[in-house]
């Protein structure tokens, strides 16, 4: 009888020992969650091409005294492409001349889901943290930093507001930003990251420091990156209107059921492929701005007008530009192909007209030559003939009057809509296997 009870006790002790070493329920839940999400990855849902901010695009003077944004908050709205339940944000100090101290940060839905507003939906406000829970971070000179991932539910085409506060400010006058935001940013003295509406400060139509928002999505989601210049950056669009042609493309894609591709605008006004221009040239930035974008699967090259228009008008100079543009595009496509990325080439749009400094017959010949190569060389997986879409059928050297923004170079909003409408969505269906 005693031996039977001993056997029972021994069994009970063994069971107890097993339960004592069992995985806690919370840890089991976490492992199950991780198992479910192991096929997820980060996908860029918004980007802004970082560049060195020129002196005339620096923040208002009251926010540059004794350091840029010293003891000040800046609130910026960002128009996301795809929705998400979990986000993280990239802060760039790529061109900063000194370390960038961020003391506090927050995220919220923009008031009324509008771009460029000073207010937020306070019920959605959450603090942003860094390095596993720290409220602050110092982004070293020349580097980028990420916020911790945050559970934050956003739908497609949502405007979020990100607020950054720096107690110390960034020393010097070399900072990273994106002057061509065409979106109003608001700033106010003091730590206002949790304030419902910023007021009594200043505003400017530039972005600073923010370079990407990434969404935690299943592996069937991916990113589309557009490498471009002022036409893609939105010159000719409406301030705070989110009606650049990539914005309008996002709306069309999602209306037609393509909801798994983030559209990312990696363009800047005055940008060139080869040399000169504003911001780093495409040849020096394409790896960062395309190949290294989270979740990238598709890359579009739609740039070159500033190389042609800024080059000499003699045939020797223009022939050289044409050859070098083709070589540069081939190089970028070759590296994209090696990385498993599909490419699309966009033809260079028109710049002929009275008063337009680029307007010149020899330059026009180069534009036509490069465009014929884009369409017929077989370099790209697909092409889109933007020059045909918004060009004047009666004079192919000019923009159609109804699409001309007024300077014979930049389209207006109607032109941007035509570009979005003319973009071949079959490109995504052909290479994605869904939709």
Protein backbone atom coordinates (compact mmCIF):
# COMPACT_ATOMS: atom_id res chain seq x y z
CA UNK A 1 0.00 0.00 0.00
CA UNK A 2 2.82 2.36 0.90
CA UNK A 3 4.64 1.53 -2.31
CA UNK A 4 1.49 2.34 -4.30
CA UNK A 5 1.17 5.72 -2.61
CA UNK A 6 4.86 6.27 -3.22
CA UNK A 7 4.38 5.59 -6.90
CA UNK A 8 1.44 8.01 -6.97
CA UNK A 9 3.41 10.68 -5.11
CA UNK A 10 6.34 10.18 -7.44
CA UNK A 11 4.06 10.63 -10.44
CA UNK A 12 2.55 13.77 -8.95
CA UNK A 13 6.01 15.18 -8.30
CA UNK A 14 7.00 14.46 -11.90
CA UNK A 15 3.90 16.19 -13.23
CA UNK A 16 4.52 19.13 -10.90
CA UNK A 17 8.09 19.39 -12.12
CA UNK A 18 6.93 19.43 -15.71
CA UNK A 19 4.43 22.21 -15.02
CA UNK A 20 7.08 24.13 -13.10
CA UNK A 21 9.34 24.15 -16.16
CA UNK A 22 6.53 24.79 -18.64
CA UNK A 23 6.49 27.93 -20.77
CA UNK A 24 4.35 30.70 -19.24
CA UNK A 25 1.07 31.47 -21.00
CA UNK A 26 2.22 34.98 -21.96
CA UNK A 27 5.35 33.57 -23.54
CA UNK A 28 3.30 30.96 -25.39
CA UNK A 29 1.05 33.74 -26.73
CA UNK A 30 4.11 35.72 -27.83
CA UNK A 31 5.63 32.72 -29.55
CA UNK A 32 2.35 31.97 -31.29
CA UNK A 33 2.15 35.59 -32.43
CA UNK A 34 5.72 35.50 -33.68
CA UNK A 35 5.03 32.24 -35.48
CA UNK A 36 2.06 33.80 -37.21
CA UNK A 37 4.11 36.84 -38.15
CA UNK A 38 7.34 35.17 -39.20
CA UNK A 39 6.26 35.61 -42.81
CA UNK A 40 5.80 39.38 -42.30
CA UNK A 41 8.34 42.01 -43.24
CA UNK A 42 8.75 45.76 -43.24
CA UNK A 43 7.36 47.55 -46.29
CA UNK A 44 7.82 51.27 -46.95
CA UNK A 45 4.45 53.01 -47.10
CA UNK A 46 5.88 56.55 -47.32
CA UNK A 47 9.30 57.97 -48.11
CA UNK A 48 10.88 61.36 -48.60
CA UNK A 49 14.21 61.67 -50.39
CA UNK A 50 16.69 63.10 -47.86
CA UNK A 51 18.98 65.93 -48.92
CA UNK A 52 21.05 68.73 -47.46
CA UNK A 53 18.70 71.63 -46.73
CA UNK A 54 19.76 74.76 -48.60
CA UNK A 55 20.13 78.02 -46.58
CA UNK A 56 16.91 79.52 -47.97
CA UNK A 57 14.97 76.38 -47.00
CA UNK A 58 16.05 76.30 -43.35
CA UNK A 59 13.38 76.65 -40.63
CA UNK A 60 12.20 80.19 -39.74
CA UNK A 61 14.86 82.22 -37.96
CA UNK A 62 13.31 81.90 -34.49
CA UNK A 63 13.90 78.15 -34.74
CA UNK A 64 17.55 78.35 -35.77
CA UNK A 65 18.88 80.56 -32.95
CA UNK A 66 21.35 78.70 -30.74
CA UNK A 67 20.65 75.46 -32.57
CA UNK A 68 18.09 74.21 -35.08
CA UNK A 69 14.79 73.52 -33.28
CA UNK A 70 16.40 74.13 -29.90
CA UNK A 71 13.72 73.64 -27.22
CA UNK A 72 11.14 73.39 -29.99
CA UNK A 73 8.63 70.96 -31.45
CA UNK A 74 8.00 70.35 -35.15
CA UNK A 75 4.83 68.59 -36.30
CA UNK A 76 4.74 67.13 -39.80
CA UNK A 77 1.98 65.30 -41.67
CA UNK A 78 2.76 62.33 -43.91
CA UNK A 79 0.42 60.76 -46.48
CA UNK A 80 0.76 56.98 -46.21
CA UNK A 81 0.00 54.72 -49.15
CA UNK A 82 -0.90 51.32 -47.66
CA UNK A 83 -2.48 50.82 -44.26
CA UNK A 84 -1.05 48.90 -41.32
CA UNK A 85 -1.51 47.83 -37.72
CA UNK A 86 2.16 48.26 -36.80
CA UNK A 87 4.53 51.01 -37.96
CA UNK A 88 8.05 52.27 -37.46
CA UNK A 89 9.52 55.59 -38.56
CA UNK A 90 12.96 56.38 -39.91
CA UNK A 91 14.67 59.61 -38.84
CA UNK A 92 17.53 60.76 -41.03
CA UNK A 93 20.63 62.71 -40.11
CA UNK A 94 22.31 61.72 -43.37
CA UNK A 95 23.42 65.24 -44.26
CA UNK A 96 23.62 66.70 -40.77
CA UNK A 97 26.82 68.42 -39.82
CA UNK A 98 26.42 67.32 -36.19
CA UNK A 99 24.55 64.77 -34.12
CA UNK A 100 20.76 65.12 -34.05
CA UNK A 101 19.25 64.91 -30.54
CA UNK A 102 15.58 63.94 -30.33
CA UNK A 103 14.23 64.35 -26.79
CA UNK A 104 10.63 63.22 -27.34
CA UNK A 105 8.40 62.16 -30.21
CA UNK A 106 4.79 61.19 -30.85
CA UNK A 107 2.46 59.89 -33.52
CA UNK A 108 -1.25 60.55 -34.08
CA UNK A 109 -3.79 60.72 -36.84
CA UNK A 110 -3.86 64.16 -38.43
CA UNK A 111 -6.98 66.15 -37.59
CA UNK A 112 -9.67 65.46 -40.16
CA UNK A 113 -7.27 63.15 -42.02
CA UNK A 114 -5.91 66.26 -43.71
CA UNK A 115 -2.39 67.12 -44.82
CA UNK A 116 -0.55 70.13 -43.45
CA UNK A 117 -2.74 70.68 -40.38
CA UNK A 118 -1.46 71.74 -36.97
CA UNK A 119 -3.96 69.62 -35.08
CA UNK A 120 -4.22 65.93 -34.29
CA UNK A 121 -6.91 63.47 -33.30
CA UNK A 122 -5.90 63.46 -29.63
CA UNK A 123 -7.61 60.13 -28.98
CA UNK A 124 -5.04 58.45 -31.24
CA UNK A 125 -1.95 60.10 -29.74
CA UNK A 126 0.86 57.73 -28.76
CA UNK A 127 4.45 58.38 -27.71
CA UNK A 128 7.24 57.11 -29.95
CA UNK A 129 10.19 55.38 -28.36
CA UNK A 130 13.66 54.32 -29.42
CA UNK A 131 16.02 51.46 -28.62
CA UNK A 132 13.54 49.33 -26.73
CA UNK A 133 11.65 51.94 -24.82
CA UNK A 134 13.77 55.06 -24.51
CA UNK A 135 11.88 58.31 -25.02
CA UNK A 136 14.92 59.98 -26.58
CA UNK A 137 17.74 59.27 -28.99
CA UNK A 138 20.76 60.96 -30.50
CA UNK A 139 21.06 60.20 -34.20
CA UNK A 140 24.77 60.30 -35.07
CA UNK A 141 26.02 62.53 -37.86
CA UNK A 142 25.57 60.86 -41.24
CA UNK A 143 23.29 58.09 -39.96
CA UNK A 144 19.61 57.20 -39.61
CA UNK A 145 17.65 55.81 -36.67
CA UNK A 146 14.34 53.99 -36.30
CA UNK A 147 11.66 54.36 -33.72
CA UNK A 148 10.61 51.20 -31.93
CA UNK A 149 7.79 49.43 -33.76
CA UNK A 150 4.45 50.73 -32.52
CA UNK A 151 0.97 49.24 -32.67
CA UNK A 152 -0.86 51.97 -34.55
CA UNK A 153 -3.79 51.25 -36.82
CA UNK A 154 -3.98 53.24 -40.04
CA UNK A 155 -6.03 52.73 -43.18
CA UNK A 156 -4.80 53.25 -46.75
CA UNK A 157 -4.15 56.87 -47.76
CA UNK A 158 -4.14 58.03 -44.15
CA UNK A 159 -2.45 61.26 -43.06
CA UNK A 160 -0.48 60.79 -39.87
CA UNK A 161 1.13 63.53 -37.76
CA UNK A 162 4.61 62.96 -36.35
CA UNK A 163 5.86 65.43 -33.73
CA UNK A 164 9.54 65.73 -32.76
CA UNK A 165 10.92 67.71 -29.84
CA UNK A 166 14.60 68.55 -29.30
CA UNK A 167 15.64 70.16 -26.06
CA UNK A 168 19.20 70.80 -27.19
CA UNK A 169 18.56 71.35 -30.88
CA UNK A 170 20.93 70.42 -33.68
CA UNK A 171 24.06 72.53 -33.76
CA UNK A 172 25.32 74.12 -36.95
CA UNK A 173 23.45 74.89 -40.13
CA UNK A 174 23.77 71.58 -42.01
CA UNK A 175 20.61 69.54 -41.50
CA UNK A 176 18.71 66.85 -43.39
CA UNK A 177 15.30 67.48 -44.88
CA UNK A 178 13.15 67.61 -47.96
CA UNK A 179 12.43 71.16 -49.12
CA UNK A 180 9.88 70.15 -51.78
CA UNK A 181 7.31 68.71 -49.40
CA UNK A 182 4.48 70.96 -50.59
CA UNK A 183 3.04 70.14 -47.20
CA UNK A 184 2.84 72.57 -44.29
CA UNK A 185 4.88 71.73 -41.19
CA UNK A 186 4.16 73.46 -37.88
CA UNK A 187 6.60 74.39 -35.13
CA UNK A 188 6.31 75.82 -31.64
CA UNK A 189 8.68 76.46 -28.74
CA UNK A 190 8.79 73.92 -25.92
CA UNK A 191 7.84 70.27 -25.73
CA UNK A 192 4.49 70.13 -27.51
CA UNK A 193 4.51 66.55 -28.82
CA UNK A 194 1.31 65.83 -26.87
CA UNK A 195 -0.42 69.14 -27.60
CA UNK A 196 -3.66 68.79 -29.56
CA UNK A 197 -3.00 71.81 -31.79
CA UNK A 198 0.21 73.77 -32.26
CA UNK A 199 -0.37 77.51 -32.30
CA UNK A 200 1.53 80.73 -31.83
CA UNK A 201 4.65 79.43 -33.51
CA UNK A 202 5.45 79.31 -37.21
CA UNK A 203 4.99 77.08 -40.22
CA UNK A 204 6.84 76.28 -43.40
CA UNK A 205 6.31 74.08 -46.43
CA UNK A 206 9.28 71.78 -45.90
CA UNK A 207 9.88 68.45 -44.20
CA UNK A 208 12.81 67.92 -41.84
CA UNK A 209 14.48 64.73 -40.58
CA UNK A 210 11.69 62.25 -41.47
CA UNK A 211 12.67 59.95 -44.33
CA UNK A 212 10.47 56.82 -44.18
CA UNK A 213 7.45 55.18 -42.61
CA UNK A 214 7.41 51.39 -42.76
CA UNK A 215 4.49 49.02 -42.27
CA UNK A 216 4.74 45.48 -40.85
CA UNK A 217 2.98 43.47 -43.56
CA UNK A 218 2.70 39.91 -44.91
CA UNK A 219 5.24 38.81 -47.49
CA UNK A 220 2.76 39.32 -50.33
CA UNK A 221 3.02 43.08 -49.72
CA UNK A 222 5.82 45.06 -51.32
CA UNK A 223 7.08 48.55 -52.13
CA UNK A 224 7.16 50.48 -55.40
CA UNK A 225 9.81 53.22 -55.55
CA UNK A 226 9.76 56.12 -58.02
CA UNK A 227 13.11 57.80 -58.68
CA UNK A 228 12.51 61.24 -60.10
CA UNK A 229 12.85 65.01 -60.11
CA UNK A 230 10.50 67.95 -59.54
CA UNK A 231 7.78 66.50 -61.77
CA UNK A 232 7.43 63.52 -59.44
CA UNK A 233 8.18 65.64 -56.36
CA UNK A 234 5.02 67.57 -57.20
CA UNK A 235 5.96 70.95 -58.63
CA UNK A 236 2.63 72.15 -60.00
CA UNK A 237 0.54 70.26 -57.45
CA UNK A 238 -1.60 71.91 -54.76
CA UNK A 239 0.04 72.63 -51.42
CA UNK A 240 -1.40 70.27 -48.78
CA UNK A 241 -3.45 68.64 -51.56
CA UNK A 242 -1.68 65.29 -51.91
CA UNK A 243 -2.23 65.47 -55.67
CA UNK A 244 1.23 64.80 -57.02
CA UNK A 245 1.00 62.15 -59.72
CA UNK A 246 2.23 59.36 -57.37
CA UNK A 247 -0.50 60.33 -54.86
CA UNK A 248 -3.10 60.08 -57.60
CA UNK A 249 -1.63 56.76 -58.69
CA UNK A 250 -2.03 55.42 -55.14
CA UNK A 251 -5.71 56.33 -55.23
CA UNK A 252 -6.20 54.67 -58.62
CA UNK A 253 -4.34 51.52 -57.63
CA UNK A 254 -6.41 51.05 -54.52
CA UNK A 255 -9.65 51.81 -56.33
CA UNK A 256 -8.76 48.98 -58.70
CA UNK A 257 -7.98 46.58 -55.89
CA UNK A 258 -4.19 46.83 -55.73
CA UNK A 259 -3.87 47.36 -51.99
CA UNK A 260 -0.71 45.42 -51.24
CA UNK A 261 1.85 47.75 -52.80
CA UNK A 262 3.27 50.80 -51.02
CA UNK A 263 4.02 53.69 -53.38
CA UNK A 264 7.11 55.68 -52.40
CA UNK A 265 8.11 59.04 -53.85
CA UNK A 266 11.92 59.28 -53.98
CA UNK A 267 12.17 62.46 -56.03
CA UNK A 268 13.48 65.98 -55.51
CA UNK A 269 13.17 69.22 -57.39
CA UNK A 270 16.20 70.03 -59.51
CA UNK A 271 17.61 66.53 -59.18
CA UNK A 272 19.85 65.12 -61.91
CA UNK A 273 21.16 61.72 -62.89
CA UNK A 274 24.76 62.56 -63.70
CA UNK A 275 26.05 65.77 -62.12
CA UNK A 276 25.00 69.16 -60.77
CA UNK A 277 21.42 69.87 -59.84
CA UNK A 278 19.95 69.86 -56.34
CA UNK A 279 20.42 67.05 -53.87
CA UNK A 280 22.63 64.03 -54.44
CA UNK A 281 22.64 62.83 -58.05
CA UNK A 282 20.71 59.70 -58.93
CA UNK A 283 23.95 57.81 -59.52
CA UNK A 284 25.05 58.54 -55.95
CA UNK A 285 21.68 57.90 -54.29
CA UNK A 286 19.88 55.08 -56.09
CA UNK A 287 21.21 52.34 -53.82
CA UNK A 288 19.95 54.13 -50.72
CA UNK A 289 16.76 55.49 -52.26
CA UNK A 290 15.72 52.37 -54.18
CA UNK A 291 17.64 49.17 -53.51
CA UNK A 292 17.68 49.64 -49.74
CA UNK A 293 14.04 50.69 -49.33
CA UNK A 294 12.14 48.25 -47.11
CA UNK A 295 10.19 45.66 -49.07
CA UNK A 296 11.11 47.05 -52.48
CA UNK A 297 10.00 44.94 -55.42
CA UNK A 298 9.45 47.53 -58.16
CA UNK A 299 11.53 50.57 -59.17
CA UNK A 300 10.65 53.26 -61.69
CA UNK A 301 13.18 55.63 -63.26
CA UNK A 302 11.58 58.86 -64.46
CA UNK A 303 14.29 61.51 -64.49
CA UNK A 304 16.73 63.22 -66.85
CA UNK A 305 15.11 66.50 -67.84
CA UNK A 306 17.51 68.55 -65.71
CA UNK A 307 20.54 66.80 -67.18
CA UNK A 308 19.39 67.61 -70.71
CA UNK A 309 18.05 71.07 -69.93
CA UNK A 310 21.10 72.02 -67.88
CA UNK A 311 23.58 70.83 -70.47
CA UNK A 312 25.19 72.82 -73.24
CA UNK A 313 23.26 73.39 -76.44
CA UNK A 314 26.02 72.16 -78.75
CA UNK A 315 25.58 68.74 -80.32
CA UNK A 316 28.73 67.33 -78.70
CA UNK A 317 27.52 68.08 -75.19
CA UNK A 318 24.05 66.76 -75.86
CA UNK A 319 25.27 63.56 -77.52
CA UNK A 320 27.45 62.91 -74.49
CA UNK A 321 24.52 63.48 -72.11
CA UNK A 322 22.33 61.05 -74.07
CA UNK A 323 24.98 58.34 -74.00
CA UNK A 324 25.72 58.82 -70.32
CA UNK A 325 22.03 58.79 -69.37
CA UNK A 326 21.55 55.49 -71.15
CA UNK A 327 24.60 54.04 -69.43
CA UNK A 328 23.40 55.24 -66.02
CA UNK A 329 19.93 53.75 -66.53
CA UNK A 330 21.48 50.46 -67.61
CA UNK A 331 23.64 50.40 -64.48
CA UNK A 332 20.68 50.99 -62.17
CA UNK A 333 18.51 48.41 -63.95
CA UNK A 334 21.31 45.87 -63.86
CA UNK A 335 21.63 46.21 -60.09
CA UNK A 336 17.87 46.08 -59.66
CA UNK A 337 17.72 42.88 -61.69
CA UNK A 338 20.49 41.33 -59.59
CA UNK A 339 18.40 42.11 -56.49
CA UNK A 340 15.24 40.60 -57.99
CA UNK A 341 13.60 43.99 -58.50
CA UNK A 342 11.43 44.71 -61.55
CA UNK A 343 11.91 48.04 -63.33
CA UNK A 344 9.86 50.46 -65.35
CA UNK A 345 11.16 53.38 -67.42
CA UNK A 346 9.27 56.63 -67.93
CA UNK A 347 9.91 58.83 -70.93
CA UNK A 348 11.19 62.35 -70.28
CA UNK A 349 8.43 64.92 -70.72
CA UNK A 350 8.53 68.13 -72.74
CA UNK A 351 10.19 71.46 -71.97
CA UNK A 352 9.75 73.51 -75.17
CA UNK A 353 8.00 76.87 -74.98
CA UNK A 354 8.45 80.61 -74.80
CA UNK A 355 10.31 81.70 -71.68
CA UNK A 356 11.42 78.21 -70.66
CA UNK A 357 15.20 78.26 -70.19
CA UNK A 358 15.57 74.60 -71.16
CA UNK A 359 13.84 75.16 -74.50
CA UNK A 360 16.28 74.47 -77.36
CA UNK A 361 16.11 72.36 -80.56
CA UNK A 362 19.32 70.45 -79.83
CA UNK A 363 18.18 69.59 -76.33
CA UNK A 364 14.84 68.49 -77.75
CA UNK A 365 16.67 66.12 -80.07
CA UNK A 366 18.39 64.59 -77.04
CA UNK A 367 15.08 64.16 -75.23
CA UNK A 368 13.59 62.35 -78.23
CA UNK A 369 16.72 60.20 -78.63
CA UNK A 370 16.74 59.13 -74.99
CA UNK A 371 13.00 58.47 -75.02
CA UNK A 372 13.26 56.25 -78.09
CA UNK A 373 15.97 54.28 -76.29
CA UNK A 374 13.82 53.97 -73.13
CA UNK A 375 10.89 52.63 -75.14
CA UNK A 376 12.76 50.37 -77.54
CA UNK A 377 16.04 49.20 -76.00
CA UNK A 378 14.49 46.44 -73.92
CA UNK A 379 16.41 47.64 -70.87
CA UNK A 380 13.35 47.92 -68.64
CA UNK A 381 10.81 45.27 -67.74
CA UNK A 382 8.12 47.76 -68.77
CA UNK A 383 7.81 51.37 -69.90
CA UNK A 384 5.29 54.21 -69.72
CA UNK A 385 5.29 56.95 -72.33
CA UNK A 386 4.50 59.96 -70.16
CA UNK A 387 5.69 62.26 -72.96
CA UNK A 388 2.91 60.90 -75.17
CA UNK A 389 0.30 60.98 -72.41
CA UNK A 390 0.69 64.69 -71.59
CA UNK A 391 2.30 65.92 -74.81
CA UNK A 392 0.58 68.07 -77.42
CA UNK A 393 -0.55 65.75 -80.25
CA UNK A 394 -0.05 68.58 -82.70
CA UNK A 395 3.44 69.46 -81.46
CA UNK A 396 5.22 66.61 -79.70
CA UNK A 397 7.91 68.97 -78.43
CA UNK A 398 5.44 70.71 -76.12
CA UNK A 399 3.16 69.82 -73.25
CA UNK A 400 -0.51 69.81 -74.14
CA UNK A 401 -2.00 73.17 -73.20
CA UNK A 402 -4.51 71.64 -70.78
CA UNK A 403 -1.67 69.88 -68.90
CA UNK A 404 0.87 72.72 -68.88
CA UNK A 405 1.46 74.17 -65.40
CA UNK A 406 2.49 77.47 -67.00
CA UNK A 407 6.25 77.15 -67.36
CA UNK A 408 6.13 74.63 -70.24
CA UNK A 409 8.01 72.11 -68.08
CA UNK A 410 5.92 71.13 -65.06
CA UNK A 411 2.46 69.62 -65.52
CA UNK A 412 -0.53 70.96 -63.63
CA UNK A 413 -2.84 68.80 -61.51
CA UNK A 414 -4.80 67.77 -64.61
CA UNK A 415 -1.51 66.63 -66.13
CA UNK A 416 -0.65 64.68 -62.99
CA UNK A 417 -4.06 62.99 -63.14
CA UNK A 418 -3.48 62.05 -66.76
CA UNK A 419 -0.11 60.54 -65.82
CA UNK A 420 -1.69 58.51 -63.03
CA UNK A 421 -4.52 57.40 -65.30
CA UNK A 422 -2.08 56.40 -68.02
CA UNK A 423 0.22 54.37 -65.80
CA UNK A 424 0.09 50.67 -66.81
CA UNK A 425 -1.26 48.85 -63.76
CA UNK A 426 -0.77 45.61 -65.65
CA UNK A 427 2.90 46.01 -64.73
CA UNK A 428 2.10 45.05 -61.15
CA UNK A 429 -0.30 42.29 -62.09
CA UNK A 430 2.21 40.74 -64.48
CA UNK A 431 5.02 40.52 -61.95
CA UNK A 432 3.11 40.01 -58.72
CA UNK A 433 0.85 37.12 -59.55
CA UNK A 434 -2.01 38.63 -57.53
CA UNK A 435 -4.66 41.34 -57.91
